[in-house]
Amino acid sequence: MKNIAMVAMHTKNIPYISDGRETIITIENEKVWYTANTMIVTFPKLLVFNDYLLNNLNKKFMKKSPKQDVLKTNYFAKQVVSYLSKNRYDEVMFENDILKNKILPKLEKKNSSVRGFIFNRKTDAALER
C-alpha cells in the first residue's frame, strides 16, 4: 500500500481518490470534502499584505501581467517541504509544474525514493514527469 500526498493550492484540480491513504496539502480557504487526511497551510497576515502589494505593483507597471502570488507560492512550497520531510510518502502528486519544480528537488535531496507526478486534468489521473 502506497502513501500518497497531493499538493495543490486549488483543490478543484485534485483527482478524486477514495482509498483513504492520501493526504491532501492545501491552503486555508480551500475545502476538501471527501477525506479527513488534510494538512492546511495558513498564511501570515504580513505575507498576504506584502503579496497584495507586489501584485498591485505588477499590475500597475506591467499592464497585462496576470496575478502571480509569488510570496504565497514560495511560503506554501516551504511549508510543504517541511511537512513532507517529516512524514514518509511514496508518491507526491502536484497541481502544476511550478509547485513540482519548487518542492520535488528539495525532497529528493532528503529522500531519494520519492516519485513526483502532476495531475492530468483531462482524465483525472496522474501523469509521471
N, C-alpha and C. Protein backbone atom coordinates (compact mmCIF):
# COMPACT_ATOMS: atom_id res chain seq x y z
N MET A 1 0.83 -1.18 0.00
CA MET A 1 0.00 0.00 0.00
C MET A 1 0.88 1.24 0.00
N LYS A 2 0.60 2.12 -0.93
CA LYS A 2 1.38 3.34 -1.06
C LYS A 2 0.70 4.49 -0.33
N ASN A 3 1.50 5.29 0.33
CA ASN A 3 1.01 6.53 0.91
C ASN A 3 1.20 7.63 -0.13
N ILE A 4 0.14 8.36 -0.40
CA ILE A 4 0.16 9.38 -1.44
C ILE A 4 -0.12 10.74 -0.82
N ALA A 5 0.67 11.73 -1.19
CA ALA A 5 0.42 13.11 -0.79
C ALA A 5 0.06 13.89 -2.04
N MET A 6 -1.02 14.67 -1.95
CA MET A 6 -1.44 15.52 -3.06
C MET A 6 -1.24 16.97 -2.65
N VAL A 7 -0.48 17.70 -3.44
CA VAL A 7 -0.14 19.08 -3.13
C VAL A 7 -0.85 19.99 -4.14
N ALA A 8 -1.74 20.85 -3.64
CA ALA A 8 -2.47 21.74 -4.53
C ALA A 8 -2.89 23.00 -3.78
N MET A 9 -2.74 24.12 -4.42
CA MET A 9 -3.23 25.36 -3.84
C MET A 9 -4.71 25.55 -4.18
N HIS A 10 -5.19 24.86 -5.19
CA HIS A 10 -6.60 24.93 -5.59
C HIS A 10 -7.13 23.50 -5.65
N THR A 11 -8.03 23.16 -4.76
CA THR A 11 -8.47 21.77 -4.64
C THR A 11 -9.40 21.31 -5.76
N LYS A 12 -9.90 22.21 -6.57
CA LYS A 12 -10.74 21.77 -7.69
C LYS A 12 -9.93 20.98 -8.71
N ASN A 13 -8.60 21.09 -8.66
CA ASN A 13 -7.74 20.39 -9.60
C ASN A 13 -7.31 19.01 -9.10
N ILE A 14 -7.74 18.62 -7.91
CA ILE A 14 -7.32 17.34 -7.34
C ILE A 14 -8.22 16.22 -7.84
N PRO A 15 -7.65 15.13 -8.34
CA PRO A 15 -8.48 13.99 -8.73
C PRO A 15 -9.02 13.29 -7.50
N TYR A 16 -10.20 12.70 -7.62
CA TYR A 16 -10.84 12.01 -6.51
C TYR A 16 -10.22 10.62 -6.34
N ILE A 17 -9.67 10.36 -5.17
CA ILE A 17 -9.13 9.05 -4.82
C ILE A 17 -9.77 8.67 -3.50
N SER A 18 -10.40 7.51 -3.44
CA SER A 18 -11.19 7.19 -2.26
C SER A 18 -10.63 6.05 -1.43
N ASP A 19 -9.34 5.77 -1.52
CA ASP A 19 -8.81 4.64 -0.75
C ASP A 19 -8.41 5.02 0.67
N GLY A 20 -8.42 6.31 1.01
CA GLY A 20 -8.17 6.74 2.37
C GLY A 20 -6.71 6.86 2.77
N ARG A 21 -5.78 6.55 1.88
CA ARG A 21 -4.36 6.64 2.22
C ARG A 21 -3.73 7.92 1.69
N GLU A 22 -4.52 8.79 1.10
CA GLU A 22 -3.97 10.01 0.57
C GLU A 22 -4.08 11.14 1.59
N THR A 23 -3.12 12.03 1.55
CA THR A 23 -3.15 13.24 2.36
C THR A 23 -3.13 14.41 1.40
N ILE A 24 -4.06 15.32 1.58
CA ILE A 24 -4.15 16.48 0.71
C ILE A 24 -3.56 17.68 1.46
N ILE A 25 -2.61 18.33 0.83
CA ILE A 25 -1.97 19.50 1.41
C ILE A 25 -2.42 20.70 0.59
N THR A 26 -3.11 21.63 1.23
CA THR A 26 -3.69 22.76 0.52
C THR A 26 -3.67 24.00 1.39
N ILE A 27 -4.20 25.10 0.86
CA ILE A 27 -4.23 26.36 1.61
C ILE A 27 -5.51 26.46 2.42
N GLU A 28 -5.59 27.46 3.29
CA GLU A 28 -6.63 27.53 4.31
C GLU A 28 -8.05 27.72 3.79
N ASN A 29 -8.25 28.39 2.68
CA ASN A 29 -9.61 28.66 2.23
C ASN A 29 -10.15 27.63 1.25
N GLU A 30 -9.41 26.59 0.98
CA GLU A 30 -9.86 25.52 0.09
C GLU A 30 -10.47 24.39 0.93
N LYS A 31 -11.63 23.92 0.55
CA LYS A 31 -12.32 22.87 1.29
C LYS A 31 -12.13 21.52 0.59
N VAL A 32 -11.86 20.49 1.39
CA VAL A 32 -11.74 19.13 0.88
C VAL A 32 -12.83 18.32 1.57
N TRP A 33 -13.80 17.87 0.84
CA TRP A 33 -14.98 17.26 1.44
C TRP A 33 -14.89 15.75 1.59
N TYR A 34 -13.99 15.08 0.91
CA TYR A 34 -14.04 13.63 0.88
C TYR A 34 -12.94 12.94 1.67
N THR A 35 -12.10 13.64 2.36
CA THR A 35 -11.06 12.98 3.14
C THR A 35 -10.82 13.74 4.43
N ALA A 36 -10.48 13.00 5.46
CA ALA A 36 -10.15 13.61 6.75
C ALA A 36 -8.66 13.89 6.84
N ASN A 37 -7.88 13.33 5.93
CA ASN A 37 -6.42 13.50 5.94
C ASN A 37 -6.04 14.74 5.15
N THR A 38 -6.20 15.89 5.77
CA THR A 38 -5.90 17.14 5.11
C THR A 38 -4.94 17.96 5.96
N MET A 39 -3.90 18.49 5.35
CA MET A 39 -2.98 19.38 6.03
C MET A 39 -3.19 20.77 5.43
N ILE A 40 -3.56 21.71 6.28
CA ILE A 40 -3.88 23.06 5.83
C ILE A 40 -2.69 23.98 6.12
N VAL A 41 -2.30 24.77 5.13
CA VAL A 41 -1.25 25.77 5.30
C VAL A 41 -1.93 27.12 5.42
N THR A 42 -1.68 27.82 6.52
CA THR A 42 -2.23 29.16 6.70
C THR A 42 -1.12 30.18 6.48
N PHE A 43 -1.50 31.29 5.87
CA PHE A 43 -0.54 32.34 5.56
C PHE A 43 -0.55 33.42 6.63
N PRO A 44 0.62 33.89 7.04
CA PRO A 44 0.66 35.03 7.97
C PRO A 44 0.08 36.28 7.30
N LYS A 45 -0.53 37.14 8.11
CA LYS A 45 -1.18 38.35 7.58
C LYS A 45 -0.18 39.27 6.87
N LEU A 46 1.02 39.38 7.39
CA LEU A 46 2.02 40.23 6.77
C LEU A 46 2.39 39.72 5.37
N LEU A 47 2.48 38.41 5.21
CA LEU A 47 2.79 37.83 3.91
C LEU A 47 1.66 38.10 2.92
N VAL A 48 0.41 37.98 3.37
CA VAL A 48 -0.74 38.24 2.49
C VAL A 48 -0.73 39.70 2.05
N PHE A 49 -0.46 40.60 2.98
CA PHE A 49 -0.43 42.03 2.65
C PHE A 49 0.71 42.35 1.66
N ASN A 50 1.89 41.81 1.91
CA ASN A 50 3.02 42.04 1.00
C ASN A 50 2.78 41.45 -0.38
N ASP A 51 2.13 40.30 -0.44
CA ASP A 51 1.80 39.70 -1.73
C ASP A 51 0.78 40.56 -2.48
N TYR A 52 -0.16 41.12 -1.74
CA TYR A 52 -1.15 42.04 -2.33
C TYR A 52 -0.45 43.25 -2.93
N LEU A 53 0.49 43.84 -2.18
CA LEU A 53 1.23 44.99 -2.69
C LEU A 53 2.05 44.64 -3.94
N LEU A 54 2.71 43.51 -3.90
CA LEU A 54 3.51 43.06 -5.04
C LEU A 54 2.65 42.84 -6.28
N ASN A 55 1.48 42.23 -6.10
CA ASN A 55 0.57 42.01 -7.23
C ASN A 55 0.08 43.34 -7.80
N ASN A 56 -0.21 44.32 -6.93
CA ASN A 56 -0.67 45.62 -7.41
C ASN A 56 0.43 46.37 -8.15
N LEU A 57 1.67 46.26 -7.68
CA LEU A 57 2.77 46.89 -8.39
C LEU A 57 2.98 46.27 -9.77
N ASN A 58 2.89 44.95 -9.83
CA ASN A 58 2.99 44.27 -11.13
C ASN A 58 1.87 44.70 -12.07
N LYS A 59 0.67 44.81 -11.52
CA LYS A 59 -0.48 45.19 -12.32
C LYS A 59 -0.34 46.63 -12.84
N LYS A 60 0.22 47.50 -12.02
CA LYS A 60 0.34 48.90 -12.40
C LYS A 60 1.43 49.12 -13.45
N PHE A 61 2.58 48.48 -13.27
CA PHE A 61 3.70 48.74 -14.17
C PHE A 61 3.76 47.80 -15.36
N MET A 62 3.23 46.62 -15.24
CA MET A 62 3.17 45.68 -16.36
C MET A 62 1.69 45.45 -16.65
N LYS A 63 1.19 46.16 -17.61
CA LYS A 63 -0.25 46.26 -17.83
C LYS A 63 -0.96 44.91 -18.02
N LYS A 64 -0.33 43.97 -18.68
CA LYS A 64 -1.02 42.72 -18.98
C LYS A 64 -0.48 41.53 -18.19
N SER A 65 0.10 41.77 -17.03
CA SER A 65 0.64 40.64 -16.26
C SER A 65 -0.45 40.04 -15.39
N PRO A 66 -0.53 38.73 -15.35
CA PRO A 66 -1.54 38.08 -14.51
C PRO A 66 -1.12 38.10 -13.04
N LYS A 67 -2.10 37.90 -12.17
CA LYS A 67 -1.82 37.82 -10.74
C LYS A 67 -0.98 36.59 -10.47
N GLN A 68 0.12 36.75 -9.72
CA GLN A 68 1.05 35.65 -9.57
C GLN A 68 1.13 35.07 -8.17
N ASP A 69 0.90 35.85 -7.12
CA ASP A 69 1.01 35.38 -5.73
C ASP A 69 2.35 34.69 -5.47
N VAL A 70 3.42 35.37 -5.79
CA VAL A 70 4.76 34.79 -5.68
C VAL A 70 5.10 34.46 -4.23
N LEU A 71 4.83 35.38 -3.32
CA LEU A 71 5.18 35.15 -1.92
C LEU A 71 4.37 34.00 -1.31
N LYS A 72 3.09 33.94 -1.65
CA LYS A 72 2.25 32.84 -1.14
C LYS A 72 2.73 31.49 -1.68
N THR A 73 3.09 31.45 -2.94
CA THR A 73 3.56 30.20 -3.53
C THR A 73 4.86 29.74 -2.89
N ASN A 74 5.79 30.66 -2.67
CA ASN A 74 7.06 30.30 -2.03
C ASN A 74 6.85 29.84 -0.60
N TYR A 75 6.00 30.52 0.14
CA TYR A 75 5.73 30.14 1.53
C TYR A 75 5.05 28.76 1.58
N PHE A 76 4.08 28.55 0.68
CA PHE A 76 3.38 27.27 0.62
C PHE A 76 4.36 26.14 0.31
N ALA A 77 5.25 26.36 -0.65
CA ALA A 77 6.24 25.34 -1.02
C ALA A 77 7.17 25.02 0.15
N LYS A 78 7.58 26.04 0.87
CA LYS A 78 8.47 25.83 2.02
C LYS A 78 7.77 25.02 3.12
N GLN A 79 6.51 25.32 3.38
CA GLN A 79 5.76 24.59 4.39
C GLN A 79 5.51 23.14 3.97
N VAL A 80 5.25 22.92 2.69
CA VAL A 80 5.02 21.56 2.18
C VAL A 80 6.29 20.73 2.29
N VAL A 81 7.44 21.31 1.93
CA VAL A 81 8.71 20.59 2.05
C VAL A 81 8.96 20.21 3.51
N SER A 82 8.69 21.13 4.41
CA SER A 82 8.89 20.85 5.83
C SER A 82 8.00 19.70 6.29
N TYR A 83 6.73 19.72 5.88
CA TYR A 83 5.79 18.67 6.29
C TYR A 83 6.17 17.32 5.67
N LEU A 84 6.48 17.31 4.38
CA LEU A 84 6.79 16.06 3.69
C LEU A 84 8.12 15.46 4.13
N SER A 85 9.05 16.29 4.58
CA SER A 85 10.32 15.74 5.05
C SER A 85 10.17 15.07 6.42
N LYS A 86 9.16 15.48 7.18
CA LYS A 86 8.91 14.86 8.49
C LYS A 86 8.06 13.60 8.38
N ASN A 87 7.26 13.49 7.33
CA ASN A 87 6.36 12.34 7.13
C ASN A 87 6.76 11.59 5.87
N ARG A 88 6.60 10.29 5.89
CA ARG A 88 7.03 9.45 4.76
C ARG A 88 5.88 9.22 3.78
N TYR A 89 6.13 9.56 2.52
CA TYR A 89 5.17 9.31 1.44
C TYR A 89 5.91 8.67 0.28
N ASP A 90 5.25 7.71 -0.37
CA ASP A 90 5.84 7.03 -1.51
C ASP A 90 5.71 7.85 -2.80
N GLU A 91 4.56 8.51 -2.94
CA GLU A 91 4.31 9.31 -4.13
C GLU A 91 3.78 10.67 -3.72
N VAL A 92 4.18 11.68 -4.46
CA VAL A 92 3.68 13.03 -4.24
C VAL A 92 3.11 13.52 -5.56
N MET A 93 1.85 13.95 -5.53
CA MET A 93 1.18 14.45 -6.72
C MET A 93 1.06 15.96 -6.61
N PHE A 94 1.40 16.67 -7.69
CA PHE A 94 1.41 18.12 -7.68
C PHE A 94 0.34 18.68 -8.60
N GLU A 95 -0.13 19.87 -8.27
CA GLU A 95 -1.14 20.54 -9.07
C GLU A 95 -0.57 21.03 -10.40
N ASN A 96 0.65 21.55 -10.38
CA ASN A 96 1.23 22.12 -11.60
C ASN A 96 2.76 22.04 -11.56
N ASP A 97 3.37 22.46 -12.65
CA ASP A 97 4.83 22.42 -12.77
C ASP A 97 5.52 23.35 -11.79
N ILE A 98 4.90 24.47 -11.48
CA ILE A 98 5.52 25.44 -10.57
C ILE A 98 5.75 24.80 -9.20
N LEU A 99 4.71 24.18 -8.66
CA LEU A 99 4.85 23.53 -7.36
C LEU A 99 5.81 22.36 -7.42
N LYS A 100 5.74 21.60 -8.50
CA LYS A 100 6.63 20.45 -8.64
C LYS A 100 8.09 20.89 -8.67
N ASN A 101 8.40 21.93 -9.43
CA ASN A 101 9.78 22.39 -9.56
C ASN A 101 10.31 23.05 -8.28
N LYS A 102 9.43 23.57 -7.44
CA LYS A 102 9.86 24.18 -6.18
C LYS A 102 10.02 23.15 -5.07
N ILE A 103 9.22 22.10 -5.08
CA ILE A 103 9.17 21.15 -3.95
C ILE A 103 9.99 19.89 -4.19
N LEU A 104 9.86 19.28 -5.36
CA LEU A 104 10.46 17.97 -5.60
C LEU A 104 11.99 17.94 -5.48
N PRO A 105 12.74 18.91 -6.00
CA PRO A 105 14.21 18.84 -5.83
C PRO A 105 14.65 18.85 -4.37
N LYS A 106 13.95 19.60 -3.53
CA LYS A 106 14.30 19.64 -2.11
C LYS A 106 13.96 18.32 -1.42
N LEU A 107 12.88 17.68 -1.85
CA LEU A 107 12.51 16.39 -1.28
C LEU A 107 13.47 15.29 -1.72
N GLU A 108 13.91 15.34 -2.97
CA GLU A 108 14.81 14.31 -3.48
C GLU A 108 16.16 14.35 -2.78
N LYS A 109 16.58 15.52 -2.30
CA LYS A 109 17.82 15.61 -1.54
C LYS A 109 17.71 14.86 -0.22
N LYS A 110 16.52 14.91 0.39
CA LYS A 110 16.32 14.29 1.69
C LYS A 110 15.88 12.84 1.59
N ASN A 111 15.11 12.51 0.55
CA ASN A 111 14.58 11.16 0.41
C ASN A 111 14.59 10.80 -1.07
N SER A 112 15.49 9.94 -1.48
CA SER A 112 15.66 9.65 -2.90
C SER A 112 14.57 8.74 -3.48
N SER A 113 13.72 8.16 -2.64
CA SER A 113 12.71 7.23 -3.16
C SER A 113 11.37 7.90 -3.47
N VAL A 114 11.25 9.22 -3.31
CA VAL A 114 10.00 9.91 -3.59
C VAL A 114 9.83 10.08 -5.09
N ARG A 115 8.62 9.75 -5.59
CA ARG A 115 8.31 9.95 -7.01
C ARG A 115 7.30 11.09 -7.12
N GLY A 116 7.50 11.96 -8.08
CA GLY A 116 6.61 13.10 -8.26
C GLY A 116 5.77 12.98 -9.51
N PHE A 117 4.52 13.39 -9.41
CA PHE A 117 3.57 13.36 -10.52
C PHE A 117 2.91 14.72 -10.64
N ILE A 118 2.33 14.97 -11.79
CA ILE A 118 1.50 16.15 -12.00
C ILE A 118 0.12 15.67 -12.38
N PHE A 119 -0.91 16.34 -11.85
CA PHE A 119 -2.29 15.96 -12.18
C PHE A 119 -2.55 16.14 -13.66
N ASN A 120 -3.31 15.23 -14.25
CA ASN A 120 -3.80 15.38 -15.61
C ASN A 120 -5.27 15.76 -15.50
N ARG A 121 -5.60 17.01 -15.74
CA ARG A 121 -6.96 17.49 -15.54
C ARG A 121 -7.97 16.87 -16.50
N LYS A 122 -7.52 16.43 -17.66
CA LYS A 122 -8.45 15.91 -18.65
C LYS A 122 -8.99 14.53 -18.28
N THR A 123 -8.14 13.69 -17.67
CA THR A 123 -8.57 12.34 -17.37
C THR A 123 -8.68 12.05 -15.87
N ASP A 124 -8.43 13.08 -15.04
CA ASP A 124 -8.43 12.93 -13.58
C ASP A 124 -7.49 11.83 -13.12
N ALA A 125 -6.40 11.70 -13.79
CA ALA A 125 -5.36 10.74 -13.40
C ALA A 125 -4.05 11.51 -13.26
N ALA A 126 -3.01 10.83 -12.90
CA ALA A 126 -1.72 11.49 -12.75
C ALA A 126 -0.78 11.04 -13.86
N LEU A 127 -0.02 11.98 -14.36
CA LEU A 127 0.99 11.68 -15.36
C LEU A 127 2.35 11.75 -14.71
N GLU A 128 3.18 10.80 -14.97
CA GLU A 128 4.53 10.83 -14.43
C GLU A 128 5.39 11.73 -15.31
N ARG A 129 6.15 12.60 -14.67
CA ARG A 129 7.01 13.52 -15.42
C ARG A 129 8.44 13.23 -15.11
